[in-house]
């Protein structure tokens, strides 16, 4: 199981790095996933990742102070909204739609009340 987390960590790290180059792909959500996957999969890779320039530039402030720039917040929220919307379209189930709308509302409430904007 740990190998799966490490593999997913490297996959999301790669997508995050691509997101730095391509403005269409958001960086922060993928790097947050990388942090999560490495923390679950390997202390060695987790420590390595939190010592990288990527972590310090994009995630350190959020991890330590629970704050993000306005651009990071909106990038993350829009990316997640696209995923939720895609799921709604693909499933076309009323109960799934209701649940995902509630999740989206909670996400916005969380980001506007619990994560400081810098």
PDB file of N, CA and C in Angstrom:
ATOM      1  N   UNK A   1       0.819  -1.196   0.000  1.00  0.00           N
ATOM      2  CA  UNK A   1       0.000   0.000   0.000  1.00  0.00           C
ATOM      3  C   UNK A   1       0.863   1.261   0.000  1.00  0.00           C
ATOM      4  N   UNK A   2       1.961   1.223   0.762  1.00  0.00           N
ATOM      5  CA  UNK A   2       2.833   2.397   0.814  1.00  0.00           C
ATOM      6  C   UNK A   2       3.426   2.712  -0.559  1.00  0.00           C
ATOM      7  N   UNK A   3       3.692   1.663  -1.335  1.00  0.00           N
ATOM      8  CA  UNK A   3       4.249   1.869  -2.674  1.00  0.00           C
ATOM      9  C   UNK A   3       3.241   2.598  -3.567  1.00  0.00           C
ATOM     10  N   UNK A   4       1.968   2.321  -3.375  1.00  0.00           N
ATOM     11  CA  UNK A   4       0.929   3.008  -4.150  1.00  0.00           C
ATOM     12  C   UNK A   4       0.926   4.497  -3.800  1.00  0.00           C
ATOM     13  N   UNK A   5       1.014   4.808  -2.494  1.00  0.00           N
ATOM     14  CA  UNK A   5       1.059   6.215  -2.072  1.00  0.00           C
ATOM     15  C   UNK A   5       2.282   6.926  -2.657  1.00  0.00           C
ATOM     16  N   UNK A   6       3.428   6.276  -2.616  1.00  0.00           N
ATOM     17  CA  UNK A   6       4.643   6.881  -3.165  1.00  0.00           C
ATOM     18  C   UNK A   6       4.493   7.089  -4.672  1.00  0.00           C
ATOM     19  N   UNK A   7       3.950   6.101  -5.375  1.00  0.00           N
ATOM     20  CA  UNK A   7       3.737   6.227  -6.830  1.00  0.00           C
ATOM     21  C   UNK A   7       2.784   7.375  -7.141  1.00  0.00           C
ATOM     22  N   UNK A   8       1.697   7.440  -6.397  1.00  0.00           N
ATOM     23  CA  UNK A   8       0.747   8.551  -6.596  1.00  0.00           C
ATOM     24  C   UNK A   8       1.401   9.892  -6.255  1.00  0.00           C
ATOM     25  N   UNK A   9       2.280   9.883  -5.256  1.00  0.00           N
ATOM     26  CA  UNK A   9       3.012  11.095  -4.902  1.00  0.00           C
ATOM     27  C   UNK A   9       3.871  11.594  -6.055  1.00  0.00           C
ATOM     28  N   UNK A  10       4.577  10.698  -6.703  1.00  0.00           N
ATOM     29  CA  UNK A  10       5.404  11.109  -7.840  1.00  0.00           C
ATOM     30  C   UNK A  10       4.560  11.516  -9.046  1.00  0.00           C
ATOM     31  N   UNK A  11       3.436  10.844  -9.245  1.00  0.00           N
ATOM     32  CA  UNK A  11       2.528  11.225 -10.334  1.00  0.00           C
ATOM     33  C   UNK A  11       2.005  12.646 -10.122  1.00  0.00           C
ATOM     34  N   UNK A  12       1.524  12.932  -8.903  1.00  0.00           N
ATOM     35  CA  UNK A  12       0.989  14.278  -8.646  1.00  0.00           C
ATOM     36  C   UNK A  12       2.103  15.323  -8.615  1.00  0.00           C
ATOM     37  N   UNK A  13       3.284  14.931  -8.206  1.00  0.00           N
ATOM     38  CA  UNK A  13       4.427  15.851  -8.260  1.00  0.00           C
ATOM     39  C   UNK A  13       4.713  16.234  -9.707  1.00  0.00           C
ATOM     40  N   UNK A  14       4.728  15.237 -10.591  1.00  0.00           N
ATOM     41  CA  UNK A  14       4.949  15.508 -12.015  1.00  0.00           C
ATOM     42  C   UNK A  14       3.883  16.427 -12.585  1.00  0.00           C
ATOM     43  N   UNK A  15       2.626  16.172 -12.241  1.00  0.00           N
ATOM     44  CA  UNK A  15       1.544  17.037 -12.726  1.00  0.00           C
ATOM     45  C   UNK A  15       1.678  18.449 -12.163  1.00  0.00           C
ATOM     46  N   UNK A  16       2.105  18.543 -10.907  1.00  0.00           N
ATOM     47  CA  UNK A  16       2.315  19.870 -10.306  1.00  0.00           C
ATOM     48  C   UNK A  16       3.425  20.644 -11.002  1.00  0.00           C
ATOM     49  N   UNK A  17       4.499  19.956 -11.338  1.00  0.00           N
ATOM     50  CA  UNK A  17       5.610  20.606 -12.048  1.00  0.00           C
ATOM     51  C   UNK A  17       5.159  21.037 -13.446  1.00  0.00           C
ATOM     52  N   UNK A  18       4.387  20.194 -14.113  1.00  0.00           N
ATOM     53  CA  UNK A  18       3.848  20.574 -15.430  1.00  0.00           C
ATOM     54  C   UNK A  18       2.952  21.805 -15.280  1.00  0.00           C
ATOM     55  N   UNK A  19       2.209  21.877 -14.159  1.00  0.00           N
ATOM     56  CA  UNK A  19       1.340  23.017 -13.902  1.00  0.00           C
ATOM     57  C   UNK A  19       2.099  24.329 -13.744  1.00  0.00           C
ATOM     58  N   UNK A  20       3.353  24.259 -13.351  1.00  0.00           N
ATOM     59  CA  UNK A  20       4.168  25.469 -13.263  1.00  0.00           C
ATOM     60  C   UNK A  20       4.413  26.020 -14.660  1.00  0.00           C
ATOM     61  N   UNK A  21       4.613  25.124 -15.610  1.00  0.00           N
ATOM     62  CA  UNK A  21       4.916  25.516 -16.990  1.00  0.00           C
ATOM     63  C   UNK A  21       3.643  25.855 -17.761  1.00  0.00           C
ATOM     64  N   UNK A  22       2.607  25.039 -17.598  1.00  0.00           N
ATOM     65  CA  UNK A  22       1.349  25.249 -18.315  1.00  0.00           C
ATOM     66  C   UNK A  22       0.324  25.908 -17.394  1.00  0.00           C
ATOM     67  N   UNK A  23      -0.062  27.140 -17.670  1.00  0.00           N
ATOM     68  CA  UNK A  23      -0.996  27.826 -16.774  1.00  0.00           C
ATOM     69  C   UNK A  23      -2.392  27.184 -16.722  1.00  0.00           C
ATOM     70  N   UNK A  24      -2.707  26.309 -17.661  1.00  0.00           N
ATOM     71  CA  UNK A  24      -4.012  25.655 -17.682  1.00  0.00           C
ATOM     72  C   UNK A  24      -4.121  24.635 -16.551  1.00  0.00           C
ATOM     73  N   UNK A  25      -3.011  24.022 -16.186  1.00  0.00           N
ATOM     74  CA  UNK A  25      -2.978  22.989 -15.146  1.00  0.00           C
ATOM     75  C   UNK A  25      -2.537  23.627 -13.826  1.00  0.00           C
ATOM     76  N   UNK A  26      -3.380  23.561 -12.789  1.00  0.00           N
ATOM     77  CA  UNK A  26      -3.011  24.215 -11.527  1.00  0.00           C
ATOM     78  C   UNK A  26      -1.909  23.456 -10.786  1.00  0.00           C
ATOM     79  N   UNK A  27      -1.034  24.188 -10.153  1.00  0.00           N
ATOM     80  CA  UNK A  27       0.106  23.603  -9.454  1.00  0.00           C
ATOM     81  C   UNK A  27      -0.240  23.197  -8.024  1.00  0.00           C
ATOM     82  N   UNK A  28      -0.833  24.101  -7.285  1.00  0.00           N
ATOM     83  CA  UNK A  28      -1.039  23.906  -5.851  1.00  0.00           C
ATOM     84  C   UNK A  28      -1.819  22.643  -5.491  1.00  0.00           C
ATOM     85  N   UNK A  29      -2.948  22.349  -6.160  1.00  0.00           N
ATOM     86  CA  UNK A  29      -3.677  21.134  -5.763  1.00  0.00           C
ATOM     87  C   UNK A  29      -2.851  19.860  -5.926  1.00  0.00           C
ATOM     88  N   UNK A  30      -2.079  19.797  -6.987  1.00  0.00           N
ATOM     89  CA  UNK A  30      -1.262  18.604  -7.216  1.00  0.00           C
ATOM     90  C   UNK A  30      -0.140  18.499  -6.189  1.00  0.00           C
ATOM     91  N   UNK A  31       0.441  19.627  -5.815  1.00  0.00           N
ATOM     92  CA  UNK A  31       1.499  19.586  -4.811  1.00  0.00           C
ATOM     93  C   UNK A  31       0.932  19.263  -3.428  1.00  0.00           C
ATOM     94  N   UNK A  32      -0.285  19.714  -3.141  1.00  0.00           N
ATOM     95  CA  UNK A  32      -0.937  19.325  -1.889  1.00  0.00           C
ATOM     96  C   UNK A  32      -1.166  17.811  -1.853  1.00  0.00           C
ATOM     97  N   UNK A  33      -1.588  17.261  -2.979  1.00  0.00           N
ATOM     98  CA  UNK A  33      -1.756  15.809  -3.057  1.00  0.00           C
ATOM     99  C   UNK A  33      -0.418  15.098  -2.893  1.00  0.00           C
ATOM    100  N   UNK A  34       0.627  15.654  -3.479  1.00  0.00           N
ATOM    101  CA  UNK A  34       1.964  15.078  -3.334  1.00  0.00           C
ATOM    102  C   UNK A  34       2.353  15.024  -1.861  1.00  0.00           C
ATOM    103  N   UNK A  35       2.137  16.112  -1.171  1.00  0.00           N
ATOM    104  CA  UNK A  35       2.445  16.174   0.258  1.00  0.00           C
ATOM    105  C   UNK A  35       1.674  15.099   1.021  1.00  0.00           C
ATOM    106  N   UNK A  36       0.404  14.957   0.726  1.00  0.00           N
ATOM    107  CA  UNK A  36      -0.426  13.954   1.388  1.00  0.00           C
ATOM    108  C   UNK A  36       0.068  12.540   1.081  1.00  0.00           C
ATOM    109  N   UNK A  37       0.271  12.242  -0.196  1.00  0.00           N
ATOM    110  CA  UNK A  37       0.681  10.889  -0.584  1.00  0.00           C
ATOM    111  C   UNK A  37       2.044  10.519   0.003  1.00  0.00           C
ATOM    112  N   UNK A  38       2.989  11.446  -0.034  1.00  0.00           N
ATOM    113  CA  UNK A  38       4.303  11.141   0.530  1.00  0.00           C
ATOM    114  C   UNK A  38       4.225  10.978   2.048  1.00  0.00           C
ATOM    115  N   UNK A  39       3.369  11.748   2.709  1.00  0.00           N
ATOM    116  CA  UNK A  39       3.250  11.611   4.166  1.00  0.00           C
ATOM    117  C   UNK A  39       2.675  10.248   4.537  1.00  0.00           C
ATOM    118  N   UNK A  40       1.810   9.698   3.691  1.00  0.00           N
ATOM    119  CA  UNK A  40       1.228   8.382   3.946  1.00  0.00           C
ATOM    120  C   UNK A  40       2.146   7.246   3.489  1.00  0.00           C
ATOM    121  N   UNK A  41       2.958   7.505   2.468  1.00  0.00           N
ATOM    122  CA  UNK A  41       3.726   6.429   1.866  1.00  0.00           C
ATOM    123  C   UNK A  41       5.143   6.252   2.351  1.00  0.00           C
ATOM    124  N   UNK A  42       5.822   7.359   2.677  1.00  0.00           N
ATOM    125  CA  UNK A  42       7.240   7.228   3.007  1.00  0.00           C
ATOM    126  C   UNK A  42       7.735   8.461   3.755  1.00  0.00           C
ATOM    127  N   UNK A  43       8.286   8.231   4.939  1.00  0.00           N
ATOM    128  CA  UNK A  43       8.876   9.348   5.688  1.00  0.00           C
ATOM    129  C   UNK A  43      10.045   9.956   4.914  1.00  0.00           C
ATOM    130  N   UNK A  44      10.800   9.109   4.247  1.00  0.00           N
ATOM    131  CA  UNK A  44      11.970   9.563   3.483  1.00  0.00           C
ATOM    132  C   UNK A  44      11.554  10.534   2.370  1.00  0.00           C
ATOM    133  N   UNK A  45      10.547  10.143   1.565  1.00  0.00           N
ATOM    134  CA  UNK A  45      10.103  11.011   0.489  1.00  0.00           C
ATOM    135  C   UNK A  45       9.370  12.237   1.019  1.00  0.00           C
ATOM    136  N   UNK A  46       8.663  12.074   2.124  1.00  0.00           N
ATOM    137  CA  UNK A  46       7.983  13.223   2.738  1.00  0.00           C
ATOM    138  C   UNK A  46       9.010  14.276   3.176  1.00  0.00           C
ATOM    139  N   UNK A  47      10.061  13.825   3.869  1.00  0.00           N
ATOM    140  CA  UNK A  47      11.112  14.749   4.302  1.00  0.00           C
ATOM    141  C   UNK A  47      11.814  15.372   3.107  1.00  0.00           C
ATOM    142  N   UNK A  48      12.067  14.579   2.091  1.00  0.00           N
ATOM    143  CA  UNK A  48      12.692  15.112   0.883  1.00  0.00           C
ATOM    144  C   UNK A  48      11.819  16.208   0.271  1.00  0.00           C
ATOM    145  N   UNK A  49      10.523  15.923   0.150  1.00  0.00           N
ATOM    146  CA  UNK A  49       9.621  16.876  -0.503  1.00  0.00           C
ATOM    147  C   UNK A  49       9.513  18.180   0.284  1.00  0.00           C
ATOM    148  N   UNK A  50       9.414  18.103   1.612  1.00  0.00           N
ATOM    149  CA  UNK A  50       9.265  19.351   2.368  1.00  0.00           C
ATOM    150  C   UNK A  50      10.563  20.166   2.410  1.00  0.00           C
ATOM    151  N   UNK A  51      11.652  19.603   1.912  1.00  0.00           N
ATOM    152  CA  UNK A  51      12.899  20.356   1.811  1.00  0.00           C
ATOM    153  C   UNK A  51      13.155  20.882   0.397  1.00  0.00           C
ATOM    154  N   UNK A  52      12.215  20.651  -0.538  1.00  0.00           N
ATOM    155  CA  UNK A  52      12.400  21.137  -1.905  1.00  0.00           C
ATOM    156  C   UNK A  52      11.974  22.596  -2.038  1.00  0.00           C
ATOM    157  N   UNK A  53      12.473  23.247  -3.078  1.00  0.00           N
ATOM    158  CA  UNK A  53      12.069  24.625  -3.371  1.00  0.00           C
ATOM    159  C   UNK A  53      10.585  24.695  -3.725  1.00  0.00           C
ATOM    160  N   UNK A  54      10.074  23.654  -4.375  1.00  0.00           N
ATOM    161  CA  UNK A  54       8.644  23.621  -4.727  1.00  0.00           C
ATOM    162  C   UNK A  54       7.776  23.732  -3.480  1.00  0.00           C
ATOM    163  N   UNK A  55       8.092  22.943  -2.484  1.00  0.00           N
ATOM    164  CA  UNK A  55       7.321  22.974  -1.236  1.00  0.00           C
ATOM    165  C   UNK A  55       7.393  24.359  -0.610  1.00  0.00           C
ATOM    166  N   UNK A  56       8.596  24.897  -0.522  1.00  0.00           N
ATOM    167  CA  UNK A  56       8.772  26.195   0.124  1.00  0.00           C
ATOM    168  C   UNK A  56       8.068  27.318  -0.631  1.00  0.00           C
ATOM    169  N   UNK A  57       8.055  27.235  -1.935  1.00  0.00           N
ATOM    170  CA  UNK A  57       7.423  28.290  -2.729  1.00  0.00           C
ATOM    171  C   UNK A  57       5.899  28.182  -2.745  1.00  0.00           C
ATOM    172  N   UNK A  58       5.372  26.965  -2.857  1.00  0.00           N
ATOM    173  CA  UNK A  58       3.939  26.807  -3.092  1.00  0.00           C
ATOM    174  C   UNK A  58       3.132  26.334  -1.878  1.00  0.00           C
ATOM    175  N   UNK A  59       3.749  25.629  -0.934  1.00  0.00           N
ATOM    176  CA  UNK A  59       2.956  25.006   0.121  1.00  0.00           C
ATOM    177  C   UNK A  59       3.330  25.366   1.549  1.00  0.00           C
ATOM    178  N   UNK A  60       4.534  25.798   1.792  1.00  0.00           N
ATOM    179  CA  UNK A  60       5.001  25.985   3.161  1.00  0.00           C
ATOM    180  C   UNK A  60       4.091  26.914   3.948  1.00  0.00           C
ATOM    181  N   UNK A  61       3.745  28.026   3.375  1.00  0.00           N
ATOM    182  CA  UNK A  61       2.904  28.993   4.084  1.00  0.00           C
ATOM    183  C   UNK A  61       1.556  28.371   4.436  1.00  0.00           C
ATOM    184  N   UNK A  62       0.971  27.627   3.488  1.00  0.00           N
ATOM    185  CA  UNK A  62      -0.315  26.989   3.772  1.00  0.00           C
ATOM    186  C   UNK A  62      -0.171  25.937   4.872  1.00  0.00           C
ATOM    187  N   UNK A  63       0.853  25.120   4.783  1.00  0.00           N
ATOM    188  CA  UNK A  63       1.043  24.039   5.754  1.00  0.00           C
ATOM    189  C   UNK A  63       1.305  24.581   7.159  1.00  0.00           C
ATOM    190  N   UNK A  64       2.016  25.682   7.254  1.00  0.00           N
ATOM    191  CA  UNK A  64       2.383  26.202   8.567  1.00  0.00           C
ATOM    192  C   UNK A  64       1.414  27.260   9.096  1.00  0.00           C
ATOM    193  N   UNK A  65       0.880  28.100   8.208  1.00  0.00           N
ATOM    194  CA  UNK A  65       0.059  29.221   8.654  1.00  0.00           C
ATOM    195  C   UNK A  65      -1.394  29.137   8.211  1.00  0.00           C
ATOM    196  N   UNK A  66      -1.734  28.108   7.438  1.00  0.00           N
ATOM    197  CA  UNK A  66      -3.083  27.965   6.885  1.00  0.00           C
ATOM    198  C   UNK A  66      -3.484  29.239   6.135  1.00  0.00           C
ATOM    199  N   UNK A  67      -2.588  29.678   5.257  1.00  0.00           N
ATOM    200  CA  UNK A  67      -2.873  30.851   4.438  1.00  0.00           C
ATOM    201  C   UNK A  67      -2.398  30.612   3.012  1.00  0.00           C
ATOM    202  N   UNK A  68      -3.079  31.253   2.064  1.00  0.00           N
ATOM    203  CA  UNK A  68      -2.748  31.123   0.648  1.00  0.00           C
ATOM    204  C   UNK A  68      -2.951  32.480  -0.018  1.00  0.00           C
ATOM    205  N   UNK A  69      -2.306  32.642  -1.156  1.00  0.00           N
ATOM    206  CA  UNK A  69      -2.573  33.846  -1.934  1.00  0.00           C
ATOM    207  C   UNK A  69      -3.957  33.696  -2.585  1.00  0.00           C
ATOM    208  N   UNK A  70      -4.520  34.814  -2.963  1.00  0.00           N
ATOM    209  CA  UNK A  70      -5.834  34.785  -3.623  1.00  0.00           C
ATOM    210  C   UNK A  70      -5.780  33.939  -4.889  1.00  0.00           C
ATOM    211  N   UNK A  71      -4.690  34.065  -5.647  1.00  0.00           N
ATOM    212  CA  UNK A  71      -4.529  33.290  -6.878  1.00  0.00           C
ATOM    213  C   UNK A  71      -4.484  31.787  -6.585  1.00  0.00           C
ATOM    214  N   UNK A  72      -3.759  31.382  -5.539  1.00  0.00           N
ATOM    215  CA  UNK A  72      -3.687  29.971  -5.175  1.00  0.00           C
ATOM    216  C   UNK A  72      -5.061  29.445  -4.769  1.00  0.00           C
ATOM    217  N   UNK A  73      -5.780  30.239  -3.980  1.00  0.00           N
ATOM    218  CA  UNK A  73      -7.115  29.822  -3.547  1.00  0.00           C
ATOM    219  C   UNK A  73      -8.033  29.589  -4.740  1.00  0.00           C
ATOM    220  N   UNK A  74      -8.102  30.575  -5.625  1.00  0.00           N
ATOM    221  CA  UNK A  74      -9.019  30.463  -6.758  1.00  0.00           C
ATOM    222  C   UNK A  74      -8.595  29.355  -7.711  1.00  0.00           C
ATOM    223  N   UNK A  75      -7.307  29.204  -7.901  1.00  0.00           N
ATOM    224  CA  UNK A  75      -6.815  28.124  -8.761  1.00  0.00           C
ATOM    225  C   UNK A  75      -7.247  26.774  -8.213  1.00  0.00           C
ATOM    226  N   UNK A  76      -7.078  26.585  -6.935  1.00  0.00           N
ATOM    227  CA  UNK A  76      -7.463  25.330  -6.293  1.00  0.00           C
ATOM    228  C   UNK A  76      -8.974  25.124  -6.349  1.00  0.00           C
ATOM    229  N   UNK A  77      -9.738  26.158  -6.022  1.00  0.00           N
ATOM    230  CA  UNK A  77     -11.198  26.018  -5.996  1.00  0.00           C
ATOM    231  C   UNK A  77     -11.776  25.759  -7.387  1.00  0.00           C
ATOM    232  N   UNK A  78     -11.268  26.434  -8.385  1.00  0.00           N
ATOM    233  CA  UNK A  78     -11.775  26.235  -9.747  1.00  0.00           C
ATOM    234  C   UNK A  78     -11.414  24.840 -10.250  1.00  0.00           C
ATOM    235  N   UNK A  79     -10.205  24.391  -9.942  1.00  0.00           N
ATOM    236  CA  UNK A  79      -9.793  23.046 -10.340  1.00  0.00           C
ATOM    237  C   UNK A  79     -10.718  21.994  -9.725  1.00  0.00           C
ATOM    238  N   UNK A  80     -10.976  22.107  -8.440  1.00  0.00           N
ATOM    239  CA  UNK A  80     -11.860  21.152  -7.766  1.00  0.00           C
ATOM    240  C   UNK A  80     -13.281  21.261  -8.312  1.00  0.00           C
ATOM    241  N   UNK A  81     -13.737  22.486  -8.591  1.00  0.00           N
ATOM    242  CA  UNK A  81     -15.072  22.661  -9.182  1.00  0.00           C
ATOM    243  C   UNK A  81     -15.182  21.949 -10.526  1.00  0.00           C
ATOM    244  N   UNK A  82     -14.131  22.012 -11.325  1.00  0.00           N
ATOM    245  CA  UNK A  82     -14.142  21.317 -12.626  1.00  0.00           C
ATOM    246  C   UNK A  82     -14.259  19.809 -12.441  1.00  0.00           C
ATOM    247  N   UNK A  83     -13.547  19.282 -11.463  1.00  0.00           N
ATOM    248  CA  UNK A  83     -13.634  17.849 -11.184  1.00  0.00           C
ATOM    249  C   UNK A  83     -15.043  17.486 -10.721  1.00  0.00           C
ATOM    250  N   UNK A  84     -15.606  18.283  -9.815  1.00  0.00           N
ATOM    251  CA  UNK A  84     -16.959  18.018  -9.326  1.00  0.00           C
ATOM    252  C   UNK A  84     -17.980  18.119 -10.458  1.00  0.00           C
ATOM    253  N   UNK A  85     -17.836  19.136 -11.298  1.00  0.00           N
ATOM    254  CA  UNK A  85     -18.766  19.316 -12.415  1.00  0.00           C
ATOM    255  C   UNK A  85     -18.672  18.153 -13.402  1.00  0.00           C
ATOM    256  N   UNK A  86     -17.466  17.714 -13.675  1.00  0.00           N
ATOM    257  CA  UNK A  86     -17.275  16.571 -14.570  1.00  0.00           C
ATOM    258  C   UNK A  86     -17.961  15.331 -13.998  1.00  0.00           C
ATOM    259  N   UNK A  87     -17.823  15.126 -12.703  1.00  0.00           N
ATOM    260  CA  UNK A  87     -18.471  13.981 -12.060  1.00  0.00           C
ATOM    261  C   UNK A  87     -19.983  14.085 -12.151  1.00  0.00           C
ATOM    262  N   UNK A  88     -20.517  15.281 -11.948  1.00  0.00           N
ATOM    263  CA  UNK A  88     -21.961  15.493 -12.052  1.00  0.00           C
ATOM    264  C   UNK A  88     -22.447  15.161 -13.456  1.00  0.00           C
ATOM    265  N   UNK A  89     -21.716  15.624 -14.454  1.00  0.00           N
ATOM    266  CA  UNK A  89     -22.113  15.389 -15.853  1.00  0.00           C
ATOM    267  C   UNK A  89     -22.037  13.902 -16.206  1.00  0.00           C
ATOM    268  N   UNK A  90     -20.963  13.254 -15.779  1.00  0.00           N
ATOM    269  CA  UNK A  90     -20.766  11.844 -16.128  1.00  0.00           C
ATOM    270  C   UNK A  90     -21.798  10.949 -15.438  1.00  0.00           C
ATOM    271  N   UNK A  91     -22.050  11.185 -14.151  1.00  0.00           N
ATOM    272  CA  UNK A  91     -22.962  10.290 -13.426  1.00  0.00           C
ATOM    273  C   UNK A  91     -24.424  10.568 -13.733  1.00  0.00           C
ATOM    274  N   UNK A  92     -24.771  11.846 -13.872  1.00  0.00           N
ATOM    275  CA  UNK A  92     -26.151  12.237 -14.184  1.00  0.00           C
ATOM    276  C   UNK A  92     -27.153  11.611 -13.210  1.00  0.00           C
ATOM    277  N   UNK A  93     -26.788  11.602 -11.940  1.00  0.00           N
ATOM    278  CA  UNK A  93     -27.648  11.065 -10.881  1.00  0.00           C
ATOM    279  C   UNK A  93     -28.012  12.205  -9.921  1.00  0.00           C
ATOM    280  N   UNK A  94     -29.291  12.435  -9.665  1.00  0.00           N
ATOM    281  CA  UNK A  94     -29.696  13.548  -8.796  1.00  0.00           C
ATOM    282  C   UNK A  94     -29.070  13.510  -7.400  1.00  0.00           C
ATOM    283  N   UNK A  95     -28.992  12.347  -6.785  1.00  0.00           N
ATOM    284  CA  UNK A  95     -28.421  12.267  -5.438  1.00  0.00           C
ATOM    285  C   UNK A  95     -26.936  12.606  -5.448  1.00  0.00           C
ATOM    286  N   UNK A  96     -26.221  12.160  -6.466  1.00  0.00           N
ATOM    287  CA  UNK A  96     -24.795  12.489  -6.601  1.00  0.00           C
ATOM    288  C   UNK A  96     -24.637  13.989  -6.803  1.00  0.00           C
ATOM    289  N   UNK A  97     -25.485  14.574  -7.625  1.00  0.00           N
ATOM    290  CA  UNK A  97     -25.442  16.018  -7.877  1.00  0.00           C
ATOM    291  C   UNK A  97     -25.640  16.789  -6.578  1.00  0.00           C
ATOM    292  N   UNK A  98     -26.613  16.404  -5.794  1.00  0.00           N
ATOM    293  CA  UNK A  98     -26.888  17.087  -4.525  1.00  0.00           C
ATOM    294  C   UNK A  98     -25.699  16.969  -3.575  1.00  0.00           C
ATOM    295  N   UNK A  99     -25.154  15.777  -3.451  1.00  0.00           N
ATOM    296  CA  UNK A  99     -24.003  15.569  -2.565  1.00  0.00           C
ATOM    297  C   UNK A  99     -22.810  16.409  -3.009  1.00  0.00           C
ATOM    298  N   UNK A 100     -22.537  16.437  -4.313  1.00  0.00           N
ATOM    299  CA  UNK A 100     -21.379  17.205  -4.811  1.00  0.00           C
ATOM    300  C   UNK A 100     -21.588  18.704  -4.677  1.00  0.00           C
ATOM    301  N   UNK A 101     -22.808  19.176  -4.801  1.00  0.00           N
ATOM    302  CA  UNK A 101     -23.087  20.609  -4.590  1.00  0.00           C
ATOM    303  C   UNK A 101     -22.865  20.961  -3.119  1.00  0.00           C
ATOM    304  N   UNK A 102     -23.264  20.080  -2.222  1.00  0.00           N
ATOM    305  CA  UNK A 102     -23.021  20.309  -0.796  1.00  0.00           C
ATOM    306  C   UNK A 102     -21.518  20.329  -0.511  1.00  0.00           C
ATOM    307  N   UNK A 103     -20.784  19.403  -1.116  1.00  0.00           N
ATOM    308  CA  UNK A 103     -19.327  19.378  -0.944  1.00  0.00           C
ATOM    309  C   UNK A 103     -18.705  20.680  -1.455  1.00  0.00           C
ATOM    310  N   UNK A 104     -19.157  21.151  -2.604  1.00  0.00           N
ATOM    311  CA  UNK A 104     -18.627  22.408  -3.164  1.00  0.00           C
ATOM    312  C   UNK A 104     -18.925  23.576  -2.224  1.00  0.00           C
ATOM    313  N   UNK A 105     -20.119  23.619  -1.674  1.00  0.00           N
ATOM    314  CA  UNK A 105     -20.483  24.704  -0.754  1.00  0.00           C
ATOM    315  C   UNK A 105     -19.606  24.666   0.500  1.00  0.00           C
ATOM    316  N   UNK A 106     -19.384  23.466   1.033  1.00  0.00           N
ATOM    317  CA  UNK A 106     -18.523  23.324   2.214  1.00  0.00           C
ATOM    318  C   UNK A 106     -17.100  23.750   1.889  1.00  0.00           C
ATOM    319  N   UNK A 107     -16.634  23.402   0.700  1.00  0.00           N
ATOM    320  CA  UNK A 107     -15.280  23.788   0.273  1.00  0.00           C
ATOM    321  C   UNK A 107     -15.139  25.309   0.247  1.00  0.00           C
ATOM    322  N   UNK A 108     -16.110  25.998  -0.347  1.00  0.00           N
ATOM    323  CA  UNK A 108     -16.050  27.465  -0.388  1.00  0.00           C
ATOM    324  C   UNK A 108     -16.130  28.062   1.011  1.00  0.00           C
ATOM    325  N   UNK A 109     -16.998  27.523   1.841  1.00  0.00           N
ATOM    326  CA  UNK A 109     -17.122  28.000   3.212  1.00  0.00           C
ATOM    327  C   UNK A 109     -15.793  27.837   3.946  1.00  0.00           C
ATOM    328  N   UNK A 110     -15.167  26.681   3.785  1.00  0.00           N
ATOM    329  CA  UNK A 110     -13.882  26.426   4.429  1.00  0.00           C
ATOM    330  C   UNK A 110     -12.815  27.415   3.949  1.00  0.00           C
ATOM    331  N   UNK A 111     -12.696  27.575   2.643  1.00  0.00           N
ATOM    332  CA  UNK A 111     -11.629  28.437   2.124  1.00  0.00           C
ATOM    333  C   UNK A 111     -11.851  29.911   2.456  1.00  0.00           C
ATOM    334  N   UNK A 112     -13.085  30.327   2.571  1.00  0.00           N
ATOM    335  CA  UNK A 112     -13.337  31.736   2.896  1.00  0.00           C
ATOM    336  C   UNK A 112     -13.322  32.014   4.391  1.00  0.00           C
ATOM    337  N   UNK A 113     -13.473  30.987   5.228  1.00  0.00           N
ATOM    338  CA  UNK A 113     -13.495  31.241   6.677  1.00  0.00           C
ATOM    339  C   UNK A 113     -12.285  30.688   7.412  1.00  0.00           C
ATOM    340  N   UNK A 114     -11.638  29.644   6.913  1.00  0.00           N
ATOM    341  CA  UNK A 114     -10.559  28.994   7.645  1.00  0.00           C
ATOM    342  C   UNK A 114      -9.164  29.213   7.058  1.00  0.00           C
ATOM    343  N   UNK A 115      -9.069  29.564   5.794  1.00  0.00           N
ATOM    344  CA  UNK A 115      -7.771  29.779   5.159  1.00  0.00           C
ATOM    345  C   UNK A 115      -7.599  31.267   4.911  1.00  0.00           C
ATOM    346  N   UNK A 116      -6.584  31.839   5.568  1.00  0.00           N
ATOM    347  CA  UNK A 116      -6.321  33.276   5.426  1.00  0.00           C
ATOM    348  C   UNK A 116      -5.844  33.576   3.996  1.00  0.00           C
ATOM    349  N   UNK A 117      -6.255  34.743   3.511  1.00  0.00           N
ATOM    350  CA  UNK A 117      -5.784  35.211   2.204  1.00  0.00           C
ATOM    351  C   UNK A 117      -4.633  36.187   2.446  1.00  0.00           C
ATOM    352  N   UNK A 118      -3.533  35.941   1.739  1.00  0.00           N
ATOM    353  CA  UNK A 118      -2.373  36.838   1.878  1.00  0.00           C
ATOM    354  C   UNK A 118      -2.132  37.594   0.597  1.00  0.00           C
TER     355      UNK A 118
END
